[in-house]
Amino acid sequence: MTSLKPLNDYVLVRQSKEEIKSASWIITAPTSKEKPWKWEVIAMWEGKKSPDWKLVEIDNIKVGDVVYFTKYAPEEIEINGEKLLLIRVDSILAKEE
C-alpha cells in the first residue's frame, strides 16, 4: 500500500486484478494495449471543497470500491514501480455494487 494521499476530490486507483469481461463476455487480459476501465480505489481524501470553502464529504465512493471511468480522465503516476492513476471523483462513471 502506498502512503500517498490524494487531495481534494481526487482518488488514487490501481488496476483491478480480476479478469475483465466485455459486453459480449469475451475475457480480455489486463496486459492488453488498451487501458482497462476496471480499477480499484486505494486512497482518497475525506471530501472536496465547495465554492464557499466548506468540506463536502464524498459519500458514494470509498476505498476498496471498483470503479469505471473514461480513459481520458486520469493522470498516470508511478510509485515503487507500480502504475497508478489519479482521477477526479466527478470523472467516475459507475461503481460495482
Protein backbone atom coordinates (compact mmCIF):
# COMPACT_ATOMS: atom_id res chain seq x y z
CA MET A 1 0.00 0.00 0.00
CA THR A 2 1.18 3.48 -0.77
CA SER A 3 1.44 6.36 1.67
CA LEU A 4 0.26 8.81 -0.99
CA LYS A 5 -2.98 10.58 -0.01
CA PRO A 6 -4.81 12.39 -2.84
CA LEU A 7 -6.13 15.85 -2.07
CA ASN A 8 -9.49 17.49 -2.70
CA ASP A 9 -11.73 15.43 -4.97
CA TYR A 10 -9.05 13.10 -6.37
CA VAL A 11 -8.95 9.36 -5.76
CA LEU A 12 -5.99 7.03 -6.30
CA VAL A 13 -6.77 3.83 -8.18
CA ARG A 14 -4.91 0.72 -9.25
CA GLN A 15 -5.83 -1.75 -11.94
CA SER A 16 -8.18 -4.44 -10.68
CA LYS A 17 -6.56 -7.88 -10.59
CA GLU A 18 -9.76 -9.52 -11.86
CA GLU A 19 -10.31 -10.59 -15.43
CA ILE A 20 -12.24 -8.05 -17.42
CA LYS A 21 -15.23 -9.23 -19.43
CA SER A 22 -16.62 -7.23 -22.29
CA ALA A 23 -20.34 -6.88 -23.02
CA SER A 24 -20.11 -9.97 -25.22
CA TRP A 25 -18.41 -11.92 -22.38
CA ILE A 26 -15.03 -12.03 -24.08
CA ILE A 27 -12.31 -12.11 -21.43
CA THR A 28 -9.55 -9.60 -22.06
CA ALA A 29 -6.12 -9.79 -20.50
CA PRO A 30 -5.08 -6.99 -18.14
CA THR A 31 -1.92 -6.64 -20.23
CA SER A 32 -3.73 -5.65 -23.43
CA LYS A 33 -2.69 -2.36 -25.06
CA GLU A 34 -5.97 -0.59 -24.27
CA LYS A 35 -6.22 0.50 -20.63
CA PRO A 36 -8.89 -1.49 -18.82
CA TRP A 37 -11.68 0.57 -17.34
CA LYS A 38 -11.96 -1.52 -14.17
CA TRP A 39 -9.93 -0.02 -11.33
CA GLU A 40 -9.91 -0.31 -7.52
CA VAL A 41 -9.88 2.77 -5.26
CA ILE A 42 -6.87 2.51 -2.92
CA ALA A 43 -6.75 6.01 -1.38
CA MET A 44 -8.81 9.18 -1.23
CA TRP A 45 -9.35 12.38 0.71
CA GLU A 46 -12.31 12.87 3.06
CA GLY A 47 -14.07 15.25 0.71
CA LYS A 48 -13.81 18.20 -1.61
CA LYS A 49 -14.16 21.93 -1.15
CA SER A 50 -17.41 23.60 -2.14
CA PRO A 51 -17.39 27.08 -3.74
CA ASP A 52 -17.81 28.58 -0.25
CA TRP A 53 -14.81 26.52 1.03
CA LYS A 54 -16.82 24.06 3.14
CA LEU A 55 -15.82 20.42 3.12
CA VAL A 56 -18.30 18.27 1.17
CA GLU A 57 -17.95 14.59 2.02
CA ILE A 58 -17.55 12.07 -0.79
CA ASP A 59 -20.13 9.54 0.34
CA ASN A 60 -20.72 7.49 -2.79
CA ILE A 61 -17.12 6.23 -3.28
CA LYS A 62 -14.85 4.57 -0.70
CA VAL A 63 -11.52 2.74 -0.56
CA GLY A 64 -11.95 -0.77 -1.97
CA ASP A 65 -14.66 0.14 -4.48
CA VAL A 66 -14.21 -0.99 -8.09
CA VAL A 67 -14.91 1.95 -10.38
CA TYR A 68 -15.23 2.71 -14.09
CA PHE A 69 -14.30 5.97 -15.83
CA THR A 70 -13.40 7.39 -19.21
CA LYS A 71 -9.92 6.63 -20.48
CA TYR A 72 -9.15 10.35 -20.89
CA ALA A 73 -9.88 11.30 -17.27
CA PRO A 74 -6.88 10.07 -15.22
CA GLU A 75 -3.38 11.32 -14.54
CA GLU A 76 -0.91 8.42 -14.57
CA ILE A 77 1.77 8.22 -11.85
CA GLU A 78 4.27 5.56 -10.83
CA ILE A 79 5.07 4.65 -7.22
CA ASN A 80 7.55 1.90 -6.34
CA GLY A 81 7.37 0.59 -9.90
CA GLU A 82 3.57 0.30 -9.85
CA LYS A 83 1.50 2.36 -12.28
CA LEU A 84 -1.39 4.09 -10.54
CA LEU A 85 -3.94 6.66 -11.64
CA LEU A 86 -5.20 9.84 -10.01
CA ILE A 87 -8.74 10.67 -11.05
CA ARG A 88 -11.36 13.22 -10.02
CA VAL A 89 -14.49 11.85 -8.35
CA ASP A 90 -16.63 13.65 -10.96
CA SER A 91 -14.93 11.59 -13.71
CA ILE A 92 -16.08 8.28 -12.21
CA LEU A 93 -18.99 6.97 -14.27
CA ALA A 94 -20.02 3.93 -12.21
CA LYS A 95 -19.02 1.58 -9.42
CA GLU A 96 -19.69 -2.10 -8.79
CA GLU A 97 -22.17 -2.93 -6.08
